[in-house]
């Protein structure tokens, strides 16, 4: 598996979206039953976000030695790496941004989970 450069760009925000919506939707149920379900939802979604970061990291670290990531120059004189401006596809840049975005959203989801441990859901 070589990874997907933009996996972190989509996995992190999608996990955060689901986490936030689930946290708001569970408030009446959590308050009525007394079970703190926010951390139970936060953990798998945090793992999903970190999986996106892992896929982006794999795409960032793939080897250039195998000839992956080259494209001909417009004048066909030589090959340029795809992550260079001449190559036209900044895969490594997208992978770095995907890693950082996914890690940021994993941290946000973790903070939501810790808040779910501290607060019981019935505060006014």
PDB file of N, CA and C in Angstrom:
ATOM      1  N   UNK A   1       0.847  -1.171   0.000  1.00  0.00           N
ATOM      2  CA  UNK A   1       0.000   0.000   0.000  1.00  0.00           C
ATOM      3  C   UNK A   1       0.894   1.236   0.000  1.00  0.00           C
ATOM      4  N   UNK A   2       0.673   2.123  -0.951  1.00  0.00           N
ATOM      5  CA  UNK A   2       1.506   3.310  -1.078  1.00  0.00           C
ATOM      6  C   UNK A   2       0.916   4.518  -0.393  1.00  0.00           C
ATOM      7  N   UNK A   3      -0.343   4.505  -0.025  1.00  0.00           N
ATOM      8  CA  UNK A   3      -0.963   5.634   0.650  1.00  0.00           C
ATOM      9  C   UNK A   3      -1.689   6.553  -0.318  1.00  0.00           C
ATOM     10  N   UNK A   4      -2.434   7.441   0.244  1.00  0.00           N
ATOM     11  CA  UNK A   4      -3.187   8.431  -0.515  1.00  0.00           C
ATOM     12  C   UNK A   4      -2.833   9.809   0.020  1.00  0.00           C
ATOM     13  N   UNK A   5      -2.277  10.691  -0.799  1.00  0.00           N
ATOM     14  CA  UNK A   5      -1.838  11.989  -0.283  1.00  0.00           C
ATOM     15  C   UNK A   5      -2.960  12.804   0.364  1.00  0.00           C
ATOM     16  N   UNK A   6      -4.152  12.769  -0.189  1.00  0.00           N
ATOM     17  CA  UNK A   6      -5.229  13.615   0.326  1.00  0.00           C
ATOM     18  C   UNK A   6      -6.137  12.906   1.331  1.00  0.00           C
ATOM     19  N   UNK A   7      -5.775  11.723   1.783  1.00  0.00           N
ATOM     20  CA  UNK A   7      -6.629  10.990   2.727  1.00  0.00           C
ATOM     21  C   UNK A   7      -6.843  11.775   4.017  1.00  0.00           C
ATOM     22  N   UNK A   8      -5.794  12.407   4.521  1.00  0.00           N
ATOM     23  CA  UNK A   8      -5.912  13.185   5.746  1.00  0.00           C
ATOM     24  C   UNK A   8      -6.762  14.428   5.588  1.00  0.00           C
ATOM     25  N   UNK A   9      -6.780  14.969   4.372  1.00  0.00           N
ATOM     26  CA  UNK A   9      -7.606  16.156   4.128  1.00  0.00           C
ATOM     27  C   UNK A   9      -9.090  15.856   4.245  1.00  0.00           C
ATOM     28  N   UNK A  10      -9.466  14.613   3.985  1.00  0.00           N
ATOM     29  CA  UNK A  10     -10.881  14.240   4.035  1.00  0.00           C
ATOM     30  C   UNK A  10     -11.249  13.489   5.303  1.00  0.00           C
ATOM     31  N   UNK A  11     -10.378  12.618   5.780  1.00  0.00           N
ATOM     32  CA  UNK A  11     -10.701  11.781   6.942  1.00  0.00           C
ATOM     33  C   UNK A  11     -10.830  12.601   8.216  1.00  0.00           C
ATOM     34  N   UNK A  12      -9.910  13.514   8.458  1.00  0.00           N
ATOM     35  CA  UNK A  12      -9.947  14.313   9.683  1.00  0.00           C
ATOM     36  C   UNK A  12     -11.191  15.174   9.806  1.00  0.00           C
ATOM     37  N   UNK A  13     -11.484  16.028   8.825  1.00  0.00           N
ATOM     38  CA  UNK A  13     -12.696  16.838   8.927  1.00  0.00           C
ATOM     39  C   UNK A  13     -13.981  16.012   8.921  1.00  0.00           C
ATOM     40  N   UNK A  14     -14.012  14.905   8.187  1.00  0.00           N
ATOM     41  CA  UNK A  14     -15.214  14.065   8.180  1.00  0.00           C
ATOM     42  C   UNK A  14     -15.435  13.439   9.557  1.00  0.00           C
ATOM     43  N   UNK A  15     -14.367  12.980  10.193  1.00  0.00           N
ATOM     44  CA  UNK A  15     -14.492  12.409  11.533  1.00  0.00           C
ATOM     45  C   UNK A  15     -14.941  13.466  12.529  1.00  0.00           C
ATOM     46  N   UNK A  16     -14.416  14.669  12.411  1.00  0.00           N
ATOM     47  CA  UNK A  16     -14.825  15.759  13.300  1.00  0.00           C
ATOM     48  C   UNK A  16     -16.296  16.120  13.094  1.00  0.00           C
ATOM     49  N   UNK A  17     -16.725  16.144  11.844  1.00  0.00           N
ATOM     50  CA  UNK A  17     -18.127  16.435  11.543  1.00  0.00           C
ATOM     51  C   UNK A  17     -19.045  15.410  12.198  1.00  0.00           C
ATOM     52  N   UNK A  18     -18.724  14.139  12.040  1.00  0.00           N
ATOM     53  CA  UNK A  18     -19.536  13.078  12.635  1.00  0.00           C
ATOM     54  C   UNK A  18     -19.488  13.172  14.158  1.00  0.00           C
ATOM     55  N   UNK A  19     -18.311  13.456  14.702  1.00  0.00           N
ATOM     56  CA  UNK A  19     -18.166  13.562  16.152  1.00  0.00           C
ATOM     57  C   UNK A  19     -19.013  14.703  16.709  1.00  0.00           C
ATOM     58  N   UNK A  20     -18.950  15.850  16.086  1.00  0.00           N
ATOM     59  CA  UNK A  20     -19.707  17.003  16.573  1.00  0.00           C
ATOM     60  C   UNK A  20     -21.207  16.757  16.482  1.00  0.00           C
ATOM     61  N   UNK A  21     -21.651  16.222  15.370  1.00  0.00           N
ATOM     62  CA  UNK A  21     -23.078  15.958  15.213  1.00  0.00           C
ATOM     63  C   UNK A  21     -23.559  14.893  16.186  1.00  0.00           C
ATOM     64  N   UNK A  22     -22.756  13.858  16.377  1.00  0.00           N
ATOM     65  CA  UNK A  22     -23.131  12.803  17.321  1.00  0.00           C
ATOM     66  C   UNK A  22     -23.162  13.331  18.747  1.00  0.00           C
ATOM     67  N   UNK A  23     -22.209  14.190  19.102  1.00  0.00           N
ATOM     68  CA  UNK A  23     -22.190  14.754  20.446  1.00  0.00           C
ATOM     69  C   UNK A  23     -23.453  15.564  20.724  1.00  0.00           C
ATOM     70  N   UNK A  24     -23.880  16.367  19.772  1.00  0.00           N
ATOM     71  CA  UNK A  24     -25.100  17.146  19.967  1.00  0.00           C
ATOM     72  C   UNK A  24     -26.341  16.253  19.963  1.00  0.00           C
ATOM     73  N   UNK A  25     -26.343  15.247  19.130  1.00  0.00           N
ATOM     74  CA  UNK A  25     -27.518  14.368  19.047  1.00  0.00           C
ATOM     75  C   UNK A  25     -27.672  13.493  20.287  1.00  0.00           C
ATOM     76  N   UNK A  26     -26.569  13.184  20.953  1.00  0.00           N
ATOM     77  CA  UNK A  26     -26.621  12.295  22.111  1.00  0.00           C
ATOM     78  C   UNK A  26     -26.936  13.004  23.423  1.00  0.00           C
ATOM     79  N   UNK A  27     -27.032  14.325  23.437  1.00  0.00           N
ATOM     80  CA  UNK A  27     -27.250  15.053  24.684  1.00  0.00           C
ATOM     81  C   UNK A  27     -28.511  14.612  25.418  1.00  0.00           C
ATOM     82  N   UNK A  28     -29.675  14.561  24.769  1.00  0.00           N
ATOM     83  CA  UNK A  28     -30.868  14.132  25.523  1.00  0.00           C
ATOM     84  C   UNK A  28     -30.755  12.698  26.047  1.00  0.00           C
ATOM     85  N   UNK A  29     -30.222  11.816  25.244  1.00  0.00           N
ATOM     86  CA  UNK A  29     -30.090  10.425  25.656  1.00  0.00           C
ATOM     87  C   UNK A  29     -29.083  10.280  26.789  1.00  0.00           C
ATOM     88  N   UNK A  30     -27.956  10.992  26.667  1.00  0.00           N
ATOM     89  CA  UNK A  30     -26.922  10.936  27.699  1.00  0.00           C
ATOM     90  C   UNK A  30     -27.442  11.467  29.025  1.00  0.00           C
ATOM     91  N   UNK A  31     -28.175  12.554  28.979  1.00  0.00           N
ATOM     92  CA  UNK A  31     -28.720  13.137  30.204  1.00  0.00           C
ATOM     93  C   UNK A  31     -29.783  12.223  30.815  1.00  0.00           C
ATOM     94  N   UNK A  32     -30.609  11.597  29.999  1.00  0.00           N
ATOM     95  CA  UNK A  32     -31.686  10.747  30.508  1.00  0.00           C
ATOM     96  C   UNK A  32     -31.160   9.439  31.103  1.00  0.00           C
ATOM     97  N   UNK A  33     -30.120   8.865  30.510  1.00  0.00           N
ATOM     98  CA  UNK A  33     -29.634   7.564  30.956  1.00  0.00           C
ATOM     99  C   UNK A  33     -28.400   7.629  31.854  1.00  0.00           C
ATOM    100  N   UNK A  34     -27.717   8.756  31.883  1.00  0.00           N
ATOM    101  CA  UNK A  34     -26.548   8.903  32.731  1.00  0.00           C
ATOM    102  C   UNK A  34     -25.292   8.225  32.214  1.00  0.00           C
ATOM    103  N   UNK A  35     -25.330   7.659  31.018  1.00  0.00           N
ATOM    104  CA  UNK A  35     -24.155   7.024  30.425  1.00  0.00           C
ATOM    105  C   UNK A  35     -23.393   8.057  29.608  1.00  0.00           C
ATOM    106  N   UNK A  36     -22.143   8.191  29.878  1.00  0.00           N
ATOM    107  CA  UNK A  36     -21.319   9.167  29.153  1.00  0.00           C
ATOM    108  C   UNK A  36     -20.811   8.518  27.863  1.00  0.00           C
ATOM    109  N   UNK A  37     -21.550   8.730  26.809  1.00  0.00           N
ATOM    110  CA  UNK A  37     -21.259   8.067  25.539  1.00  0.00           C
ATOM    111  C   UNK A  37     -20.325   8.862  24.635  1.00  0.00           C
ATOM    112  N   UNK A  38     -20.084  10.126  24.951  1.00  0.00           N
ATOM    113  CA  UNK A  38     -19.241  10.951  24.085  1.00  0.00           C
ATOM    114  C   UNK A  38     -17.831  10.363  23.940  1.00  0.00           C
ATOM    115  N   UNK A  39     -17.172   9.935  25.029  1.00  0.00           N
ATOM    116  CA  UNK A  39     -15.849   9.326  24.846  1.00  0.00           C
ATOM    117  C   UNK A  39     -15.894   8.020  24.046  1.00  0.00           C
ATOM    118  N   UNK A  40     -16.998   7.291  24.156  1.00  0.00           N
ATOM    119  CA  UNK A  40     -17.129   6.045  23.391  1.00  0.00           C
ATOM    120  C   UNK A  40     -17.223   6.314  21.894  1.00  0.00           C
ATOM    121  N   UNK A  41     -17.799   7.442  21.530  1.00  0.00           N
ATOM    122  CA  UNK A  41     -17.895   7.821  20.118  1.00  0.00           C
ATOM    123  C   UNK A  41     -16.604   8.496  19.670  1.00  0.00           C
ATOM    124  N   UNK A  42     -15.978   9.248  20.565  1.00  0.00           N
ATOM    125  CA  UNK A  42     -14.783  10.016  20.207  1.00  0.00           C
ATOM    126  C   UNK A  42     -13.605   9.112  19.850  1.00  0.00           C
ATOM    127  N   UNK A  43     -13.429   8.009  20.572  1.00  0.00           N
ATOM    128  CA  UNK A  43     -12.252   7.174  20.340  1.00  0.00           C
ATOM    129  C   UNK A  43     -12.201   6.579  18.929  1.00  0.00           C
ATOM    130  N   UNK A  44     -13.270   5.914  18.433  1.00  0.00           N
ATOM    131  CA  UNK A  44     -13.156   5.371  17.066  1.00  0.00           C
ATOM    132  C   UNK A  44     -13.031   6.457  16.000  1.00  0.00           C
ATOM    133  N   UNK A  45     -13.666   7.606  16.232  1.00  0.00           N
ATOM    134  CA  UNK A  45     -13.546   8.678  15.251  1.00  0.00           C
ATOM    135  C   UNK A  45     -12.151   9.292  15.272  1.00  0.00           C
ATOM    136  N   UNK A  46     -11.531   9.346  16.430  1.00  0.00           N
ATOM    137  CA  UNK A  46     -10.152   9.803  16.506  1.00  0.00           C
ATOM    138  C   UNK A  46      -9.231   8.816  15.771  1.00  0.00           C
ATOM    139  N   UNK A  47      -9.500   7.534  15.913  1.00  0.00           N
ATOM    140  CA  UNK A  47      -8.708   6.523  15.194  1.00  0.00           C
ATOM    141  C   UNK A  47      -8.905   6.646  13.679  1.00  0.00           C
ATOM    142  N   UNK A  48     -10.122   6.969  13.252  1.00  0.00           N
ATOM    143  CA  UNK A  48     -10.401   7.178  11.830  1.00  0.00           C
ATOM    144  C   UNK A  48      -9.589   8.359  11.300  1.00  0.00           C
ATOM    145  N   UNK A  49      -9.551   9.441  12.066  1.00  0.00           N
ATOM    146  CA  UNK A  49      -8.768  10.606  11.663  1.00  0.00           C
ATOM    147  C   UNK A  49      -7.284  10.271  11.599  1.00  0.00           C
ATOM    148  N   UNK A  50      -6.796   9.518  12.581  1.00  0.00           N
ATOM    149  CA  UNK A  50      -5.386   9.124  12.579  1.00  0.00           C
ATOM    150  C   UNK A  50      -5.072   8.157  11.443  1.00  0.00           C
ATOM    151  N   UNK A  51      -6.053   7.363  11.027  1.00  0.00           N
ATOM    152  CA  UNK A  51      -5.853   6.487   9.865  1.00  0.00           C
ATOM    153  C   UNK A  51      -5.665   7.316   8.597  1.00  0.00           C
ATOM    154  N   UNK A  52      -6.403   8.408   8.478  1.00  0.00           N
ATOM    155  CA  UNK A  52      -6.198   9.316   7.350  1.00  0.00           C
ATOM    156  C   UNK A  52      -4.812   9.935   7.369  1.00  0.00           C
ATOM    157  N   UNK A  53      -4.338  10.294   8.579  1.00  0.00           N
ATOM    158  CA  UNK A  53      -2.981  10.831   8.709  1.00  0.00           C
ATOM    159  C   UNK A  53      -1.949   9.771   8.318  1.00  0.00           C
ATOM    160  N   UNK A  54      -2.199   8.531   8.694  1.00  0.00           N
ATOM    161  CA  UNK A  54      -1.280   7.455   8.346  1.00  0.00           C
ATOM    162  C   UNK A  54      -1.207   7.251   6.835  1.00  0.00           C
ATOM    163  N   UNK A  55      -2.351   7.272   6.169  1.00  0.00           N
ATOM    164  CA  UNK A  55      -2.349   7.108   4.714  1.00  0.00           C
ATOM    165  C   UNK A  55      -1.625   8.261   4.030  1.00  0.00           C
ATOM    166  N   UNK A  56      -1.818   9.473   4.538  1.00  0.00           N
ATOM    167  CA  UNK A  56      -1.094  10.610   3.972  1.00  0.00           C
ATOM    168  C   UNK A  56       0.402  10.488   4.248  1.00  0.00           C
ATOM    169  N   UNK A  57       0.756   9.999   5.428  1.00  0.00           N
ATOM    170  CA  UNK A  57       2.164   9.812   5.766  1.00  0.00           C
ATOM    171  C   UNK A  57       2.808   8.770   4.857  1.00  0.00           C
ATOM    172  N   UNK A  58       2.070   7.697   4.575  1.00  0.00           N
ATOM    173  CA  UNK A  58       2.589   6.666   3.658  1.00  0.00           C
ATOM    174  C   UNK A  58       2.818   7.253   2.269  1.00  0.00           C
ATOM    175  N   UNK A  59       1.912   8.111   1.816  1.00  0.00           N
ATOM    176  CA  UNK A  59       2.089   8.725   0.500  1.00  0.00           C
ATOM    177  C   UNK A  59       3.267   9.689   0.504  1.00  0.00           C
ATOM    178  N   UNK A  60       3.484  10.367   1.628  1.00  0.00           N
ATOM    179  CA  UNK A  60       4.609  11.289   1.736  1.00  0.00           C
ATOM    180  C   UNK A  60       5.942  10.551   1.711  1.00  0.00           C
ATOM    181  N   UNK A  61       5.994   9.414   2.368  1.00  0.00           N
ATOM    182  CA  UNK A  61       7.246   8.700   2.501  1.00  0.00           C
ATOM    183  C   UNK A  61       7.575   7.716   1.402  1.00  0.00           C
ATOM    184  N   UNK A  62       6.745   7.623   0.395  1.00  0.00           N
ATOM    185  CA  UNK A  62       7.047   6.615  -0.627  1.00  0.00           C
ATOM    186  C   UNK A  62       8.314   6.975  -1.389  1.00  0.00           C
ATOM    187  N   UNK A  63       8.945   5.974  -1.870  1.00  0.00           N
ATOM    188  CA  UNK A  63      10.285   6.118  -2.441  1.00  0.00           C
ATOM    189  C   UNK A  63      10.253   6.764  -3.820  1.00  0.00           C
ATOM    190  N   UNK A  64      11.191   7.678  -4.003  1.00  0.00           N
ATOM    191  CA  UNK A  64      11.375   8.251  -5.339  1.00  0.00           C
ATOM    192  C   UNK A  64      12.347   7.402  -6.161  1.00  0.00           C
ATOM    193  N   UNK A  65      13.080   6.564  -5.498  1.00  0.00           N
ATOM    194  CA  UNK A  65      14.105   5.771  -6.186  1.00  0.00           C
ATOM    195  C   UNK A  65      13.511   4.796  -7.193  1.00  0.00           C
ATOM    196  N   UNK A  66      12.262   4.407  -6.969  1.00  0.00           N
ATOM    197  CA  UNK A  66      11.643   3.444  -7.883  1.00  0.00           C
ATOM    198  C   UNK A  66      11.124   4.102  -9.155  1.00  0.00           C
ATOM    199  N   UNK A  67      11.321   5.405  -9.286  1.00  0.00           N
ATOM    200  CA  UNK A  67      10.850   6.096 -10.478  1.00  0.00           C
ATOM    201  C   UNK A  67       9.409   6.545 -10.363  1.00  0.00           C
ATOM    202  N   UNK A  68       8.824   6.379  -9.184  1.00  0.00           N
ATOM    203  CA  UNK A  68       7.453   6.836  -8.974  1.00  0.00           C
ATOM    204  C   UNK A  68       7.484   8.342  -8.835  1.00  0.00           C
ATOM    205  N   UNK A  69       6.591   8.995  -9.503  1.00  0.00           N
ATOM    206  CA  UNK A  69       6.478  10.428  -9.325  1.00  0.00           C
ATOM    207  C   UNK A  69       7.278  11.260 -10.300  1.00  0.00           C
ATOM    208  N   UNK A  70       7.450  10.794 -11.514  1.00  0.00           N
ATOM    209  CA  UNK A  70       8.118  11.620 -12.508  1.00  0.00           C
ATOM    210  C   UNK A  70       7.190  11.832 -13.686  1.00  0.00           C
ATOM    211  N   UNK A  71       7.344  12.972 -14.295  1.00  0.00           N
ATOM    212  CA  UNK A  71       6.546  13.315 -15.468  1.00  0.00           C
ATOM    213  C   UNK A  71       7.442  14.062 -16.446  1.00  0.00           C
ATOM    214  N   UNK A  72       7.203  13.937 -17.734  1.00  0.00           N
ATOM    215  CA  UNK A  72       8.039  14.654 -18.699  1.00  0.00           C
ATOM    216  C   UNK A  72       7.812  16.155 -18.605  1.00  0.00           C
ATOM    217  N   UNK A  73       8.889  16.908 -18.873  1.00  0.00           N
ATOM    218  CA  UNK A  73       8.785  18.366 -18.924  1.00  0.00           C
ATOM    219  C   UNK A  73       7.987  18.754 -20.163  1.00  0.00           C
ATOM    220  N   UNK A  74       7.462  19.970 -20.186  1.00  0.00           N
ATOM    221  CA  UNK A  74       6.681  20.385 -21.365  1.00  0.00           C
ATOM    222  C   UNK A  74       7.454  20.296 -22.677  1.00  0.00           C
ATOM    223  N   UNK A  75       8.771  20.531 -22.630  1.00  0.00           N
ATOM    224  CA  UNK A  75       9.548  20.422 -23.865  1.00  0.00           C
ATOM    225  C   UNK A  75      10.085  19.007 -24.083  1.00  0.00           C
ATOM    226  N   UNK A  76       9.726  18.060 -23.240  1.00  0.00           N
ATOM    227  CA  UNK A  76      10.085  16.648 -23.340  1.00  0.00           C
ATOM    228  C   UNK A  76      11.587  16.412 -23.271  1.00  0.00           C
ATOM    229  N   UNK A  77      12.319  17.353 -22.687  1.00  0.00           N
ATOM    230  CA  UNK A  77      13.766  17.198 -22.626  1.00  0.00           C
ATOM    231  C   UNK A  77      14.218  16.342 -21.449  1.00  0.00           C
ATOM    232  N   UNK A  78      13.508  16.391 -20.348  1.00  0.00           N
ATOM    233  CA  UNK A  78      13.898  15.612 -19.182  1.00  0.00           C
ATOM    234  C   UNK A  78      12.660  15.376 -18.318  1.00  0.00           C
ATOM    235  N   UNK A  79      12.818  14.555 -17.310  1.00  0.00           N
ATOM    236  CA  UNK A  79      11.713  14.270 -16.411  1.00  0.00           C
ATOM    237  C   UNK A  79      11.863  15.090 -15.136  1.00  0.00           C
ATOM    238  N   UNK A  80      10.746  15.559 -14.618  1.00  0.00           N
ATOM    239  CA  UNK A  80      10.739  16.321 -13.365  1.00  0.00           C
ATOM    240  C   UNK A  80       9.887  15.572 -12.349  1.00  0.00           C
ATOM    241  N   UNK A  81      10.272  15.622 -11.088  1.00  0.00           N
ATOM    242  CA  UNK A  81       9.449  14.970 -10.074  1.00  0.00           C
ATOM    243  C   UNK A  81       8.067  15.604 -10.012  1.00  0.00           C
ATOM    244  N   UNK A  82       7.072  14.767  -9.741  1.00  0.00           N
ATOM    245  CA  UNK A  82       5.703  15.277  -9.699  1.00  0.00           C
ATOM    246  C   UNK A  82       5.471  16.239  -8.546  1.00  0.00           C
ATOM    247  N   UNK A  83       6.304  16.167  -7.498  1.00  0.00           N
ATOM    248  CA  UNK A  83       6.096  17.077  -6.390  1.00  0.00           C
ATOM    249  C   UNK A  83       6.788  18.424  -6.599  1.00  0.00           C
ATOM    250  N   UNK A  84       7.486  18.583  -7.698  1.00  0.00           N
ATOM    251  CA  UNK A  84       8.098  19.872  -8.002  1.00  0.00           C
ATOM    252  C   UNK A  84       7.087  20.736  -8.752  1.00  0.00           C
ATOM    253  N   UNK A  85       7.289  22.043  -8.744  1.00  0.00           N
ATOM    254  CA  UNK A  85       6.357  22.910  -9.487  1.00  0.00           C
ATOM    255  C   UNK A  85       6.299  22.575 -10.974  1.00  0.00           C
ATOM    256  N   UNK A  86       7.407  22.088 -11.539  1.00  0.00           N
ATOM    257  CA  UNK A  86       7.404  21.740 -12.957  1.00  0.00           C
ATOM    258  C   UNK A  86       6.617  20.463 -13.234  1.00  0.00           C
ATOM    259  N   UNK A  87       6.519  19.603 -12.240  1.00  0.00           N
ATOM    260  CA  UNK A  87       5.822  18.338 -12.430  1.00  0.00           C
ATOM    261  C   UNK A  87       4.314  18.498 -12.475  1.00  0.00           C
ATOM    262  N   UNK A  88       3.809  19.542 -11.866  1.00  0.00           N
ATOM    263  CA  UNK A  88       2.390  19.829 -11.946  1.00  0.00           C
ATOM    264  C   UNK A  88       1.531  19.154 -10.894  1.00  0.00           C
ATOM    265  N   UNK A  89       2.076  18.283 -10.083  1.00  0.00           N
ATOM    266  CA  UNK A  89       1.278  17.585  -9.069  1.00  0.00           C
ATOM    267  C   UNK A  89       2.024  17.615  -7.736  1.00  0.00           C
ATOM    268  N   UNK A  90       1.621  18.457  -6.843  1.00  0.00           N
ATOM    269  CA  UNK A  90       2.336  18.558  -5.563  1.00  0.00           C
ATOM    270  C   UNK A  90       1.885  17.493  -4.567  1.00  0.00           C
ATOM    271  N   UNK A  91       2.137  16.229  -4.875  1.00  0.00           N
ATOM    272  CA  UNK A  91       1.677  15.136  -4.017  1.00  0.00           C
ATOM    273  C   UNK A  91       2.257  15.212  -2.612  1.00  0.00           C
ATOM    274  N   UNK A  92       3.524  15.503  -2.516  1.00  0.00           N
ATOM    275  CA  UNK A  92       4.148  15.539  -1.191  1.00  0.00           C
ATOM    276  C   UNK A  92       3.610  16.698  -0.361  1.00  0.00           C
ATOM    277  N   UNK A  93       3.360  17.839  -0.976  1.00  0.00           N
ATOM    278  CA  UNK A  93       2.777  18.968  -0.259  1.00  0.00           C
ATOM    279  C   UNK A  93       1.370  18.624   0.235  1.00  0.00           C
ATOM    280  N   UNK A  94       0.574  18.027  -0.619  1.00  0.00           N
ATOM    281  CA  UNK A  94      -0.779  17.625  -0.224  1.00  0.00           C
ATOM    282  C   UNK A  94      -0.713  16.592   0.892  1.00  0.00           C
ATOM    283  N   UNK A  95       0.256  15.695   0.832  1.00  0.00           N
ATOM    284  CA  UNK A  95       0.407  14.687   1.879  1.00  0.00           C
ATOM    285  C   UNK A  95       0.776  15.330   3.214  1.00  0.00           C
ATOM    286  N   UNK A  96       1.677  16.300   3.200  1.00  0.00           N
ATOM    287  CA  UNK A  96       2.055  16.991   4.440  1.00  0.00           C
ATOM    288  C   UNK A  96       0.862  17.731   5.014  1.00  0.00           C
ATOM    289  N   UNK A  97       0.135  18.437   4.173  1.00  0.00           N
ATOM    290  CA  UNK A  97      -1.047  19.155   4.644  1.00  0.00           C
ATOM    291  C   UNK A  97      -2.084  18.166   5.170  1.00  0.00           C
ATOM    292  N   UNK A  98      -2.252  17.029   4.501  1.00  0.00           N
ATOM    293  CA  UNK A  98      -3.187  16.005   4.965  1.00  0.00           C
ATOM    294  C   UNK A  98      -2.806  15.448   6.324  1.00  0.00           C
ATOM    295  N   UNK A  99      -1.511  15.228   6.539  1.00  0.00           N
ATOM    296  CA  UNK A  99      -1.044  14.741   7.845  1.00  0.00           C
ATOM    297  C   UNK A  99      -1.380  15.753   8.928  1.00  0.00           C
ATOM    298  N   UNK A 100      -1.039  17.013   8.685  1.00  0.00           N
ATOM    299  CA  UNK A 100      -1.255  18.044   9.701  1.00  0.00           C
ATOM    300  C   UNK A 100      -2.737  18.284   9.982  1.00  0.00           C
ATOM    301  N   UNK A 101      -3.545  18.314   8.940  1.00  0.00           N
ATOM    302  CA  UNK A 101      -4.980  18.530   9.123  1.00  0.00           C
ATOM    303  C   UNK A 101      -5.595  17.369   9.900  1.00  0.00           C
ATOM    304  N   UNK A 102      -5.223  16.173   9.547  1.00  0.00           N
ATOM    305  CA  UNK A 102      -5.784  15.003  10.220  1.00  0.00           C
ATOM    306  C   UNK A 102      -5.355  14.942  11.679  1.00  0.00           C
ATOM    307  N   UNK A 103      -4.111  15.282  11.969  1.00  0.00           N
ATOM    308  CA  UNK A 103      -3.652  15.314  13.358  1.00  0.00           C
ATOM    309  C   UNK A 103      -4.369  16.400  14.153  1.00  0.00           C
ATOM    310  N   UNK A 104      -4.591  17.543  13.525  1.00  0.00           N
ATOM    311  CA  UNK A 104      -5.317  18.618  14.196  1.00  0.00           C
ATOM    312  C   UNK A 104      -6.734  18.185  14.556  1.00  0.00           C
ATOM    313  N   UNK A 105      -7.434  17.568  13.622  1.00  0.00           N
ATOM    314  CA  UNK A 105      -8.807  17.143  13.898  1.00  0.00           C
ATOM    315  C   UNK A 105      -8.853  15.974  14.872  1.00  0.00           C
ATOM    316  N   UNK A 106      -7.839  15.120  14.875  1.00  0.00           N
ATOM    317  CA  UNK A 106      -7.776  14.056  15.884  1.00  0.00           C
ATOM    318  C   UNK A 106      -7.629  14.668  17.272  1.00  0.00           C
ATOM    319  N   UNK A 107      -6.835  15.727  17.386  1.00  0.00           N
ATOM    320  CA  UNK A 107      -6.690  16.423  18.663  1.00  0.00           C
ATOM    321  C   UNK A 107      -8.011  17.061  19.094  1.00  0.00           C
ATOM    322  N   UNK A 108      -8.719  17.667  18.163  1.00  0.00           N
ATOM    323  CA  UNK A 108     -10.011  18.287  18.477  1.00  0.00           C
ATOM    324  C   UNK A 108     -11.010  17.229  18.943  1.00  0.00           C
ATOM    325  N   UNK A 109     -11.034  16.094  18.284  1.00  0.00           N
ATOM    326  CA  UNK A 109     -11.939  15.010  18.683  1.00  0.00           C
ATOM    327  C   UNK A 109     -11.553  14.478  20.063  1.00  0.00           C
ATOM    328  N   UNK A 110     -10.252  14.389  20.338  1.00  0.00           N
ATOM    329  CA  UNK A 110      -9.801  13.942  21.659  1.00  0.00           C
ATOM    330  C   UNK A 110     -10.233  14.924  22.743  1.00  0.00           C
ATOM    331  N   UNK A 111     -10.165  16.214  22.459  1.00  0.00           N
ATOM    332  CA  UNK A 111     -10.617  17.217  23.425  1.00  0.00           C
ATOM    333  C   UNK A 111     -12.120  17.085  23.659  1.00  0.00           C
ATOM    334  N   UNK A 112     -12.885  16.817  22.611  1.00  0.00           N
ATOM    335  CA  UNK A 112     -14.324  16.558  22.782  1.00  0.00           C
ATOM    336  C   UNK A 112     -14.541  15.350  23.682  1.00  0.00           C
ATOM    337  N   UNK A 113     -13.758  14.307  23.482  1.00  0.00           N
ATOM    338  CA  UNK A 113     -13.896  13.103  24.298  1.00  0.00           C
ATOM    339  C   UNK A 113     -13.569  13.349  25.756  1.00  0.00           C
ATOM    340  N   UNK A 114     -12.522  14.128  26.021  1.00  0.00           N
ATOM    341  CA  UNK A 114     -12.169  14.455  27.401  1.00  0.00           C
ATOM    342  C   UNK A 114     -13.255  15.326  28.027  1.00  0.00           C
ATOM    343  N   UNK A 115     -13.820  16.239  27.259  1.00  0.00           N
ATOM    344  CA  UNK A 115     -14.923  17.049  27.771  1.00  0.00           C
ATOM    345  C   UNK A 115     -16.115  16.172  28.115  1.00  0.00           C
ATOM    346  N   UNK A 116     -16.316  15.111  27.357  1.00  0.00           N
ATOM    347  CA  UNK A 116     -17.403  14.181  27.658  1.00  0.00           C
ATOM    348  C   UNK A 116     -17.174  13.401  28.939  1.00  0.00           C
ATOM    349  N   UNK A 117     -15.925  13.261  29.338  1.00  0.00           N
ATOM    350  CA  UNK A 117     -15.621  12.610  30.620  1.00  0.00           C
ATOM    351  C   UNK A 117     -15.861  13.582  31.775  1.00  0.00           C
ATOM    352  N   UNK A 118     -15.474  14.842  31.574  1.00  0.00           N
ATOM    353  CA  UNK A 118     -15.581  15.846  32.634  1.00  0.00           C
ATOM    354  C   UNK A 118     -17.026  16.281  32.862  1.00  0.00           C
ATOM    355  N   UNK A 119     -17.747  16.533  31.776  1.00  0.00           N
ATOM    356  CA  UNK A 119     -19.126  17.014  31.879  1.00  0.00           C
ATOM    357  C   UNK A 119     -20.085  15.841  31.662  1.00  0.00           C
ATOM    358  N   UNK A 120     -21.201  15.857  32.378  1.00  0.00           N
ATOM    359  CA  UNK A 120     -22.142  14.732  32.262  1.00  0.00           C
ATOM    360  C   UNK A 120     -23.221  14.934  31.213  1.00  0.00           C
ATOM    361  N   UNK A 121     -23.343  16.096  30.624  1.00  0.00           N
ATOM    362  CA  UNK A 121     -24.316  16.317  29.552  1.00  0.00           C
ATOM    363  C   UNK A 121     -25.595  16.985  30.012  1.00  0.00           C
ATOM    364  N   UNK A 122     -25.773  17.151  31.307  1.00  0.00           N
ATOM    365  CA  UNK A 122     -26.997  17.755  31.827  1.00  0.00           C
ATOM    366  C   UNK A 122     -26.766  19.170  32.357  1.00  0.00           C
ATOM    367  N   UNK A 123     -25.622  19.764  32.094  1.00  0.00           N
ATOM    368  CA  UNK A 123     -25.337  21.122  32.581  1.00  0.00           C
ATOM    369  C   UNK A 123     -26.243  22.124  31.882  1.00  0.00           C
ATOM    370  N   UNK A 124     -26.552  23.154  32.621  1.00  0.00           N
ATOM    371  CA  UNK A 124     -27.355  24.249  32.037  1.00  0.00           C
ATOM    372  C   UNK A 124     -26.715  25.556  32.340  1.00  0.00           C
TER     373      UNK A 124
END
